[in-house]
Amino acid sequence: FTGTPVVEDGKEGRNTFKEFSPEGEDYIHRYSID
C-alpha cells in the first residue's frame, strides 16, 4: 500500500511496481489525488 510508488533507474534501483505487482499488472487499485 503506497501513495508514492518509486521507480528508479538501474538494475539496483528501487521499483515499487516490480516488488509488488505481478507481471503484466501495474496495480490492483488506484485512487488519485484528483
Full PDB file with SEQRES, HELIX, SHEET, SSBOND, CRYST1, ORIGX, SCALE, CONECT and MASTER records, all heavy atoms in Angstrom:
SEQRES   1 A   34  PHE THR GLY THR PRO VAL VAL GLU ASP GLY LYS GLU GLY          
SEQRES   2 A   34  ARG ASN THR PHE LYS GLU PHE SER PRO GLU GLY GLU ASP          
SEQRES   3 A   34  TYR ILE HIS ARG TYR SER ILE ASP                              
HELIX    1 AA1 THR A   16  PHE A   20  1                                   5    
CRYST1    1.000    1.000    1.000  90.00  90.00  90.00 P 1           1          
ORIGX1      1.000000  0.000000  0.000000        0.00000                         
ORIGX2      0.000000  1.000000  0.000000        0.00000                         
ORIGX3      0.000000  0.000000  1.000000        0.00000                         
SCALE1      1.000000  0.000000  0.000000        0.00000                         
SCALE2      0.000000  1.000000  0.000000        0.00000                         
SCALE3      0.000000  0.000000  1.000000        0.00000                         
ATOM      1  N   PHE A   1       0.859  -1.183   0.000  1.00  0.00           N  
ATOM      2  CA  PHE A   1       0.000   0.000   0.000  1.00  0.00           C  
ATOM      3  C   PHE A   1       0.894   1.231   0.000  1.00  0.00           C  
ATOM      4  O   PHE A   1       1.777   1.374   0.852  1.00  0.00           O  
ATOM      5  CB  PHE A   1      -0.899   0.020   1.238  1.00  0.00           C  
ATOM      6  CG  PHE A   1      -1.928  -1.065   1.278  1.00  0.00           C  
ATOM      7  CD1 PHE A   1      -1.557  -2.373   1.564  1.00  0.00           C  
ATOM      8  CD2 PHE A   1      -3.272  -0.784   1.031  1.00  0.00           C  
ATOM      9  CE1 PHE A   1      -2.504  -3.397   1.601  1.00  0.00           C  
ATOM     10  CE2 PHE A   1      -4.218  -1.800   1.066  1.00  0.00           C  
ATOM     11  CZ  PHE A   1      -3.839  -3.100   1.349  1.00  0.00           C  
ATOM     12  N   THR A   2       0.691   2.127  -0.948  1.00  0.00           N  
ATOM     13  CA  THR A   2       1.525   3.328  -1.024  1.00  0.00           C  
ATOM     14  C   THR A   2       0.786   4.454  -1.732  1.00  0.00           C  
ATOM     15  O   THR A   2      -0.118   4.212  -2.539  1.00  0.00           O  
ATOM     16  CB  THR A   2       2.844   3.046  -1.771  1.00  0.00           C  
ATOM     17  OG1 THR A   2       3.655   4.218  -1.759  1.00  0.00           O  
ATOM     18  CG2 THR A   2       2.593   2.637  -3.213  1.00  0.00           C  
ATOM     19  N   GLY A   3       1.189   5.680  -1.398  1.00  0.00           N  
ATOM     20  CA  GLY A   3       0.674   6.836  -2.127  1.00  0.00           C  
ATOM     21  C   GLY A   3       1.699   7.379  -3.087  1.00  0.00           C  
ATOM     22  O   GLY A   3       1.393   8.215  -3.936  1.00  0.00           O  
ATOM     23  N   THR A   4       2.946   6.892  -2.960  1.00  0.00           N  
ATOM     24  CA  THR A   4       4.046   7.401  -3.785  1.00  0.00           C  
ATOM     25  C   THR A   4       4.940   6.252  -4.246  1.00  0.00           C  
ATOM     26  O   THR A   4       6.050   6.076  -3.731  1.00  0.00           O  
ATOM     27  CB  THR A   4       4.891   8.419  -2.990  1.00  0.00           C  
ATOM     28  OG1 THR A   4       5.292   7.815  -1.727  1.00  0.00           O  
ATOM     29  CG2 THR A   4       4.101   9.686  -2.716  1.00  0.00           C  
ATOM     30  N   PRO A   5       4.490   5.458  -5.204  1.00  0.00           N  
ATOM     31  CA  PRO A   5       5.343   4.380  -5.699  1.00  0.00           C  
ATOM     32  C   PRO A   5       6.619   4.938  -6.319  1.00  0.00           C  
ATOM     33  O   PRO A   5       6.615   6.026  -6.897  1.00  0.00           O  
ATOM     34  CB  PRO A   5       4.470   3.687  -6.752  1.00  0.00           C  
ATOM     35  CG  PRO A   5       3.457   4.709  -7.142  1.00  0.00           C  
ATOM     36  CD  PRO A   5       3.212   5.536  -5.928  1.00  0.00           C  
ATOM     37  N   VAL A   6       7.703   4.199  -6.175  1.00  0.00           N  
ATOM     38  CA  VAL A   6       9.010   4.666  -6.640  1.00  0.00           C  
ATOM     39  C   VAL A   6       9.489   3.807  -7.800  1.00  0.00           C  
ATOM     40  O   VAL A   6       9.394   2.579  -7.768  1.00  0.00           O  
ATOM     41  CB  VAL A   6      10.044   4.595  -5.494  1.00  0.00           C  
ATOM     42  CG1 VAL A   6      11.437   4.943  -6.000  1.00  0.00           C  
ATOM     43  CG2 VAL A   6       9.638   5.514  -4.357  1.00  0.00           C  
ATOM     44  N   VAL A   7      10.013   4.468  -8.832  1.00  0.00           N  
ATOM     45  CA  VAL A   7      10.651   3.773  -9.946  1.00  0.00           C  
ATOM     46  C   VAL A   7      11.988   4.445 -10.203  1.00  0.00           C  
ATOM     47  O   VAL A   7      12.046   5.587 -10.663  1.00  0.00           O  
ATOM     48  CB  VAL A   7       9.792   3.817 -11.229  1.00  0.00           C  
ATOM     49  CG1 VAL A   7      10.523   3.108 -12.367  1.00  0.00           C  
ATOM     50  CG2 VAL A   7       8.432   3.177 -10.999  1.00  0.00           C  
ATOM     51  N   GLU A   8      13.071   3.765  -9.868  1.00  0.00           N  
ATOM     52  CA  GLU A   8      14.411   4.306 -10.054  1.00  0.00           C  
ATOM     53  C   GLU A   8      15.121   3.592 -11.197  1.00  0.00           C  
ATOM     54  O   GLU A   8      14.884   2.409 -11.448  1.00  0.00           O  
ATOM     55  CB  GLU A   8      15.220   4.155  -8.766  1.00  0.00           C  
ATOM     56  CG  GLU A   8      14.693   4.975  -7.602  1.00  0.00           C  
ATOM     57  CD  GLU A   8      15.516   4.783  -6.342  1.00  0.00           C  
ATOM     58  OE1 GLU A   8      16.262   3.782  -6.248  1.00  0.00           O  
ATOM     59  OE2 GLU A   8      15.400   5.618  -5.440  1.00  0.00           O  
ATOM     60  N   ASP A   9      16.014   4.326 -11.857  1.00  0.00           N  
ATOM     61  CA  ASP A   9      16.776   3.751 -12.967  1.00  0.00           C  
ATOM     62  C   ASP A   9      17.831   2.778 -12.454  1.00  0.00           C  
ATOM     63  O   ASP A   9      18.258   2.830 -11.304  1.00  0.00           O  
ATOM     64  CB  ASP A   9      17.455   4.862 -13.764  1.00  0.00           C  
ATOM     65  CG  ASP A   9      16.447   5.768 -14.453  1.00  0.00           C  
ATOM     66  OD1 ASP A   9      15.343   5.293 -14.757  1.00  0.00           O  
ATOM     67  OD2 ASP A   9      16.778   6.959 -14.665  1.00  0.00           O  
ATOM     68  N   GLY A  10      18.237   1.898 -13.326  1.00  0.00           N  
ATOM     69  CA  GLY A  10      19.320   0.983 -12.996  1.00  0.00           C  
ATOM     70  C   GLY A  10      18.830  -0.335 -12.432  1.00  0.00           C  
ATOM     71  O   GLY A  10      17.727  -0.451 -11.898  1.00  0.00           O  
ATOM     72  N   LYS A  11      19.671  -1.322 -12.539  1.00  0.00           N  
ATOM     73  CA  LYS A  11      19.329  -2.671 -12.097  1.00  0.00           C  
ATOM     74  C   LYS A  11      19.059  -2.730 -10.602  1.00  0.00           C  
ATOM     75  O   LYS A  11      18.208  -3.482 -10.135  1.00  0.00           O  
ATOM     76  CB  LYS A  11      20.476  -3.632 -12.463  1.00  0.00           C  
ATOM     77  CG  LYS A  11      20.177  -5.091 -12.145  1.00  0.00           C  
ATOM     78  CD  LYS A  11      21.337  -5.972 -12.594  1.00  0.00           C  
ATOM     79  CE  LYS A  11      21.044  -7.434 -12.282  1.00  0.00           C  
ATOM     80  NZ  LYS A  11      22.161  -8.326 -12.720  1.00  0.00           N  
ATOM     81  N   GLU A  12      19.801  -1.912  -9.842  1.00  0.00           N  
ATOM     82  CA  GLU A  12      19.662  -1.917  -8.389  1.00  0.00           C  
ATOM     83  C   GLU A  12      18.682  -0.858  -7.889  1.00  0.00           C  
ATOM     84  O   GLU A  12      18.491  -0.724  -6.682  1.00  0.00           O  
ATOM     85  CB  GLU A  12      21.039  -1.686  -7.738  1.00  0.00           C  
ATOM     86  CG  GLU A  12      22.089  -2.724  -8.118  1.00  0.00           C  
ATOM     87  CD  GLU A  12      21.683  -4.135  -7.711  1.00  0.00           C  
ATOM     88  OE1 GLU A  12      21.045  -4.275  -6.652  1.00  0.00           O  
ATOM     89  OE2 GLU A  12      21.998  -5.076  -8.467  1.00  0.00           O  
ATOM     90  N   GLY A  13      18.074  -0.111  -8.813  1.00  0.00           N  
ATOM     91  CA  GLY A  13      17.150   0.941  -8.408  1.00  0.00           C  
ATOM     92  C   GLY A  13      15.876   0.383  -7.815  1.00  0.00           C  
ATOM     93  O   GLY A  13      15.400  -0.686  -8.198  1.00  0.00           O  
ATOM     94  N   ARG A  14      15.312   1.114  -6.869  1.00  0.00           N  
ATOM     95  CA  ARG A  14      14.058   0.685  -6.250  1.00  0.00           C  
ATOM     96  C   ARG A  14      12.919   0.777  -7.259  1.00  0.00           C  
ATOM     97  O   ARG A  14      12.858   1.700  -8.062  1.00  0.00           O  
ATOM     98  CB  ARG A  14      13.744   1.549  -5.037  1.00  0.00           C  
ATOM     99  CG  ARG A  14      14.702   1.374  -3.867  1.00  0.00           C  
ATOM    100  CD  ARG A  14      14.284   2.269  -2.717  1.00  0.00           C  
ATOM    101  NE  ARG A  14      14.340   3.673  -3.096  1.00  0.00           N  
ATOM    102  CZ  ARG A  14      13.626   4.640  -2.504  1.00  0.00           C  
ATOM    103  NH1 ARG A  14      12.804   4.335  -1.524  1.00  0.00           N  
ATOM    104  NH2 ARG A  14      13.749   5.889  -2.893  1.00  0.00           N  
ATOM    105  N   ASN A  15      12.019  -0.184  -7.188  1.00  0.00           N  
ATOM    106  CA  ASN A  15      10.872  -0.183  -8.089  1.00  0.00           C  
ATOM    107  C   ASN A  15       9.693  -0.827  -7.358  1.00  0.00           C  
ATOM    108  O   ASN A  15       9.624  -2.040  -7.205  1.00  0.00           O  
ATOM    109  CB  ASN A  15      11.196  -0.959  -9.369  1.00  0.00           C  
ATOM    110  CG  ASN A  15      10.120  -0.797 -10.426  1.00  0.00           C  
ATOM    111  OD1 ASN A  15       8.929  -0.815 -10.123  1.00  0.00           O  
ATOM    112  ND2 ASN A  15      10.532  -0.654 -11.675  1.00  0.00           N  
ATOM    113  N   THR A  16       8.787   0.011  -6.887  1.00  0.00           N  
ATOM    114  CA  THR A  16       7.642  -0.488  -6.101  1.00  0.00           C  
ATOM    115  C   THR A  16       6.762  -1.408  -6.920  1.00  0.00           C  
ATOM    116  O   THR A  16       6.234  -2.407  -6.399  1.00  0.00           O  
ATOM    117  CB  THR A  16       6.810   0.697  -5.579  1.00  0.00           C  
ATOM    118  OG1 THR A  16       7.668   1.680  -5.002  1.00  0.00           O  
ATOM    119  CG2 THR A  16       5.824   0.225  -4.519  1.00  0.00           C  
ATOM    120  N   PHE A  17       6.606  -1.110  -8.202  1.00  0.00           N  
ATOM    121  CA  PHE A  17       5.756  -1.949  -9.044  1.00  0.00           C  
ATOM    122  C   PHE A  17       6.365  -3.338  -9.223  1.00  0.00           C  
ATOM    123  O   PHE A  17       5.666  -4.354  -9.186  1.00  0.00           O  
ATOM    124  CB  PHE A  17       5.537  -1.289 -10.410  1.00  0.00           C  
ATOM    125  CG  PHE A  17       4.806   0.015 -10.335  1.00  0.00           C  
ATOM    126  CD1 PHE A  17       5.484   1.214 -10.394  1.00  0.00           C  
ATOM    127  CD2 PHE A  17       3.425   0.036 -10.185  1.00  0.00           C  
ATOM    128  CE1 PHE A  17       4.817   2.425 -10.305  1.00  0.00           C  
ATOM    129  CE2 PHE A  17       2.735   1.246 -10.101  1.00  0.00           C  
ATOM    130  CZ  PHE A  17       3.432   2.433 -10.161  1.00  0.00           C  
ATOM    131  N   LYS A  18       7.671  -3.376  -9.403  1.00  0.00           N  
ATOM    132  CA  LYS A  18       8.357  -4.654  -9.579  1.00  0.00           C  
ATOM    133  C   LYS A  18       8.248  -5.503  -8.323  1.00  0.00           C  
ATOM    134  O   LYS A  18       8.108  -6.733  -8.392  1.00  0.00           O  
ATOM    135  CB  LYS A  18       9.823  -4.415  -9.923  1.00  0.00           C  
ATOM    136  CG  LYS A  18      10.616  -5.691 -10.198  1.00  0.00           C  
ATOM    137  CD  LYS A  18      12.055  -5.366 -10.574  1.00  0.00           C  
ATOM    138  CE  LYS A  18      12.858  -6.640 -10.825  1.00  0.00           C  
ATOM    139  NZ  LYS A  18      14.272  -6.319 -11.198  1.00  0.00           N  
ATOM    140  N   GLU A  19       8.305  -4.861  -7.149  1.00  0.00           N  
ATOM    141  CA  GLU A  19       8.261  -5.581  -5.884  1.00  0.00           C  
ATOM    142  C   GLU A  19       6.885  -6.167  -5.602  1.00  0.00           C  
ATOM    143  O   GLU A  19       6.763  -7.271  -5.064  1.00  0.00           O  
ATOM    144  CB  GLU A  19       8.665  -4.654  -4.734  1.00  0.00           C  
ATOM    145  CG  GLU A  19      10.136  -4.303  -4.714  1.00  0.00           C  
ATOM    146  CD  GLU A  19      11.024  -5.502  -4.430  1.00  0.00           C  
ATOM    147  OE1 GLU A  19      10.565  -6.435  -3.740  1.00  0.00           O  
ATOM    148  OE2 GLU A  19      12.175  -5.509  -4.909  1.00  0.00           O  
ATOM    149  N   PHE A  20       5.837  -5.428  -5.964  1.00  0.00           N  
ATOM    150  CA  PHE A  20       4.506  -5.826  -5.522  1.00  0.00           C  
ATOM    151  C   PHE A  20       3.519  -6.163  -6.635  1.00  0.00           C  
ATOM    152  O   PHE A  20       2.465  -6.742  -6.359  1.00  0.00           O  
ATOM    153  CB  PHE A  20       3.898  -4.728  -4.639  1.00  0.00           C  
ATOM    154  CG  PHE A  20       4.526  -4.639  -3.280  1.00  0.00           C  
ATOM    155  CD1 PHE A  20       5.538  -3.725  -3.028  1.00  0.00           C  
ATOM    156  CD2 PHE A  20       4.127  -5.479  -2.258  1.00  0.00           C  
ATOM    157  CE1 PHE A  20       6.133  -3.640  -1.777  1.00  0.00           C  
ATOM    158  CE2 PHE A  20       4.705  -5.407  -1.005  1.00  0.00           C  
ATOM    159  CZ  PHE A  20       5.710  -4.491  -0.767  1.00  0.00           C  
ATOM    160  N   SER A  21       3.815  -5.800  -7.859  1.00  0.00           N  
ATOM    161  CA  SER A  21       2.850  -6.043  -8.935  1.00  0.00           C  
ATOM    162  C   SER A  21       3.228  -7.273  -9.743  1.00  0.00           C  
ATOM    163  O   SER A  21       4.378  -7.411 -10.167  1.00  0.00           O  
ATOM    164  CB  SER A  21       2.775  -4.821  -9.868  1.00  0.00           C  
ATOM    165  OG  SER A  21       2.350  -3.684  -9.162  1.00  0.00           O  
ATOM    166  N   PRO A  22       2.278  -8.177  -9.980  1.00  0.00           N  
ATOM    167  CA  PRO A  22       2.557  -9.327 -10.846  1.00  0.00           C  
ATOM    168  C   PRO A  22       2.883  -8.851 -12.260  1.00  0.00           C  
ATOM    169  O   PRO A  22       2.529  -7.740 -12.666  1.00  0.00           O  
ATOM    170  CB  PRO A  22       1.241 -10.110 -10.824  1.00  0.00           C  
ATOM    171  CG  PRO A  22       0.495  -9.597  -9.641  1.00  0.00           C  
ATOM    172  CD  PRO A  22       0.903  -8.170  -9.466  1.00  0.00           C  
ATOM    173  N   GLU A  23       3.551  -9.684 -13.009  1.00  0.00           N  
ATOM    174  CA  GLU A  23       3.902  -9.337 -14.386  1.00  0.00           C  
ATOM    175  C   GLU A  23       2.643  -9.031 -15.182  1.00  0.00           C  
ATOM    176  O   GLU A  23       1.672  -9.779 -15.152  1.00  0.00           O  
ATOM    177  CB  GLU A  23       4.664 -10.486 -15.029  1.00  0.00           C  
ATOM    178  CG  GLU A  23       5.196 -10.163 -16.411  1.00  0.00           C  
ATOM    179  CD  GLU A  23       6.045 -11.274 -16.991  1.00  0.00           C  
ATOM    180  OE1 GLU A  23       6.352 -12.247 -16.245  1.00  0.00           O  
ATOM    181  OE2 GLU A  23       6.413 -11.182 -18.175  1.00  0.00           O  
ATOM    182  N   GLY A  24       2.664  -7.916 -15.888  1.00  0.00           N  
ATOM    183  CA  GLY A  24       1.526  -7.527 -16.709  1.00  0.00           C  
ATOM    184  C   GLY A  24       0.473  -6.733 -15.968  1.00  0.00           C  
ATOM    185  O   GLY A  24      -0.552  -6.366 -16.550  1.00  0.00           O  
ATOM    186  N   GLU A  25       0.703  -6.432 -14.675  1.00  0.00           N  
ATOM    187  CA  GLU A  25      -0.268  -5.674 -13.886  1.00  0.00           C  
ATOM    188  C   GLU A  25       0.457  -4.559 -13.149  1.00  0.00           C  
ATOM    189  O   GLU A  25       1.470  -4.790 -12.496  1.00  0.00           O  
ATOM    190  CB  GLU A  25      -0.969  -6.596 -12.894  1.00  0.00           C  
ATOM    191  CG  GLU A  25      -1.914  -5.869 -11.933  1.00  0.00           C  
ATOM    192  CD  GLU A  25      -2.502  -6.802 -10.894  1.00  0.00           C  
ATOM    193  OE1 GLU A  25      -3.382  -7.597 -11.248  1.00  0.00           O  
ATOM    194  OE2 GLU A  25      -2.051  -6.747  -9.730  1.00  0.00           O  
ATOM    195  N   ASP A  26      -0.060  -3.331 -13.233  1.00  0.00           N  
ATOM    196  CA  ASP A  26       0.571  -2.218 -12.530  1.00  0.00           C  
ATOM    197  C   ASP A  26       0.111  -2.132 -11.080  1.00  0.00           C  
ATOM    198  O   ASP A  26       0.901  -1.889 -10.177  1.00  0.00           O  
ATOM    199  CB  ASP A  26       0.274  -0.899 -13.239  1.00  0.00           C  
ATOM    200  CG  ASP A  26       1.029  -0.783 -14.556  1.00  0.00           C  
ATOM    201  OD1 ASP A  26       2.102  -1.397 -14.672  1.00  0.00           O  
ATOM    202  OD2 ASP A  26       0.537  -0.083 -15.456  1.00  0.00           O  
ATOM    203  N   TYR A  27      -1.184  -2.304 -10.857  1.00  0.00           N  
ATOM    204  CA  TYR A  27      -1.717  -2.195  -9.504  1.00  0.00           C  
ATOM    205  C   TYR A  27      -3.108  -2.836  -9.455  1.00  0.00           C  
ATOM    206  O   TYR A  27      -3.788  -3.013 -10.473  1.00  0.00           O  
ATOM    207  CB  TYR A  27      -1.811  -0.734  -9.052  1.00  0.00           C  
ATOM    208  CG  TYR A  27      -2.372   0.209 -10.100  1.00  0.00           C  
ATOM    209  CD1 TYR A  27      -3.743   0.309 -10.339  1.00  0.00           C  
ATOM    210  CD2 TYR A  27      -1.516   0.999 -10.871  1.00  0.00           C  
ATOM    211  CE1 TYR A  27      -4.240   1.168 -11.296  1.00  0.00           C  
ATOM    212  CE2 TYR A  27      -2.007   1.861 -11.837  1.00  0.00           C  
ATOM    213  CZ  TYR A  27      -3.372   1.946 -12.039  1.00  0.00           C  
ATOM    214  OH  TYR A  27      -3.866   2.791 -12.990  1.00  0.00           O  
ATOM    215  N   ILE A  28      -3.511  -3.178  -8.227  1.00  0.00           N  
ATOM    216  CA  ILE A  28      -4.850  -3.717  -8.016  1.00  0.00           C  
ATOM    217  C   ILE A  28      -5.882  -2.607  -8.108  1.00  0.00           C  
ATOM    218  O   ILE A  28      -6.930  -2.752  -8.723  1.00  0.00           O  
ATOM    219  CB  ILE A  28      -4.953  -4.391  -6.632  1.00  0.00           C  
ATOM    220  CG1 ILE A  28      -4.034  -5.605  -6.549  1.00  0.00           C  
ATOM    221  CG2 ILE A  28      -6.395  -4.815  -6.340  1.00  0.00           C  
ATOM    222  CD1 ILE A  28      -3.992  -6.232  -5.163  1.00  0.00           C  
ATOM    223  N   HIS A  29      -5.544  -1.479  -7.486  1.00  0.00           N  
ATOM    224  CA  HIS A  29      -6.481  -0.354  -7.477  1.00  0.00           C  
ATOM    225  C   HIS A  29      -5.711   0.944  -7.286  1.00  0.00           C  
ATOM    226  O   HIS A  29      -4.695   0.974  -6.593  1.00  0.00           O  
ATOM    227  CB  HIS A  29      -7.496  -0.511  -6.341  1.00  0.00           C  
ATOM    228  CG  HIS A  29      -8.615   0.497  -6.385  1.00  0.00           C  
ATOM    229  ND1 HIS A  29      -8.605   1.653  -5.638  1.00  0.00           N  
ATOM    230  CD2 HIS A  29      -9.767   0.513  -7.100  1.00  0.00           C  
ATOM    231  CE1 HIS A  29      -9.714   2.344  -5.887  1.00  0.00           C  
ATOM    232  NE2 HIS A  29     -10.426   1.677  -6.760  1.00  0.00           N  
ATOM    233  N   ARG A  30      -6.192   2.008  -7.926  1.00  0.00           N  
ATOM    234  CA  ARG A  30      -5.565   3.315  -7.759  1.00  0.00           C  
ATOM    235  C   ARG A  30      -6.625   4.341  -7.383  1.00  0.00           C  
ATOM    236  O   ARG A  30      -7.734   4.350  -7.924  1.00  0.00           O  
ATOM    237  CB  ARG A  30      -4.858   3.768  -9.030  1.00  0.00           C  
ATOM    238  CG  ARG A  30      -4.142   5.103  -8.826  1.00  0.00           C  
ATOM    239  CD  ARG A  30      -3.453   5.626 -10.067  1.00  0.00           C  
ATOM    240  NE  ARG A  30      -2.785   6.893  -9.765  1.00  0.00           N  
ATOM    241  CZ  ARG A  30      -2.229   7.668 -10.673  1.00  0.00           C  
ATOM    242  NH1 ARG A  30      -2.240   7.313 -11.946  1.00  0.00           N  
ATOM    243  NH2 ARG A  30      -1.653   8.793 -10.324  1.00  0.00           N  
ATOM    244  N   TYR A  31      -6.286   5.181  -6.415  1.00  0.00           N  
ATOM    245  CA  TYR A  31      -7.131   6.296  -6.012  1.00  0.00           C  
ATOM    246  C   TYR A  31      -6.249   7.533  -6.034  1.00  0.00           C  
ATOM    247  O   TYR A  31      -5.345   7.683  -5.212  1.00  0.00           O  
ATOM    248  CB  TYR A  31      -7.691   6.046  -4.614  1.00  0.00           C  
ATOM    249  CG  TYR A  31      -8.712   7.062  -4.143  1.00  0.00           C  
ATOM    250  CD1 TYR A  31      -9.993   7.079  -4.695  1.00  0.00           C  
ATOM    251  CD2 TYR A  31      -8.401   7.978  -3.150  1.00  0.00           C  
ATOM    252  CE1 TYR A  31     -10.944   7.997  -4.256  1.00  0.00           C  
ATOM    253  CE2 TYR A  31      -9.338   8.902  -2.707  1.00  0.00           C  
ATOM    254  CZ  TYR A  31     -10.603   8.903  -3.267  1.00  0.00           C  
ATOM    255  OH  TYR A  31     -11.546   9.821  -2.827  1.00  0.00           O  
ATOM    256  N   SER A  32      -6.489   8.408  -7.006  1.00  0.00           N  
ATOM    257  CA  SER A  32      -5.580   9.518  -7.271  1.00  0.00           C  
ATOM    258  C   SER A  32      -5.881  10.728  -6.392  1.00  0.00           C  
ATOM    259  O   SER A  32      -6.931  10.826  -5.751  1.00  0.00           O  
ATOM    260  CB  SER A  32      -5.674   9.929  -8.743  1.00  0.00           C  
ATOM    261  OG  SER A  32      -6.944  10.512  -9.000  1.00  0.00           O  
ATOM    262  N   ILE A  33      -4.962  11.690  -6.405  1.00  0.00           N  
ATOM    263  CA  ILE A  33      -5.170  12.916  -5.647  1.00  0.00           C  
ATOM    264  C   ILE A  33      -6.353  13.700  -6.191  1.00  0.00           C  
ATOM    265  O   ILE A  33      -7.103  14.332  -5.432  1.00  0.00           O  
ATOM    266  CB  ILE A  33      -3.878  13.784  -5.637  1.00  0.00           C  
ATOM    267  CG1 ILE A  33      -4.039  14.950  -4.670  1.00  0.00           C  
ATOM    268  CG2 ILE A  33      -3.518  14.257  -7.047  1.00  0.00           C  
ATOM    269  CD1 ILE A  33      -2.746  15.710  -4.420  1.00  0.00           C  
ATOM    270  N   ASP A  34      -6.556  13.653  -7.506  1.00  0.00           N  
ATOM    271  CA  ASP A  34      -7.711  14.336  -8.103  1.00  0.00           C  
ATOM    272  C   ASP A  34      -9.018  13.728  -7.601  1.00  0.00           C  
ATOM    273  O   ASP A  34      -9.984  14.449  -7.327  1.00  0.00           O  
ATOM    274  CB  ASP A  34      -7.649  14.248  -9.627  1.00  0.00           C  
ATOM    275  CG  ASP A  34      -6.549  15.106 -10.224  1.00  0.00           C  
ATOM    276  OD1 ASP A  34      -6.112  16.053  -9.534  1.00  0.00           O  
ATOM    277  OD2 ASP A  34      -6.126  14.829 -11.360  1.00  0.00           O  
TER     278      ASP A  34                                                      
MASTER        0    0    0    1    0    0    0    6  277    1    0    3          
END                                                                             
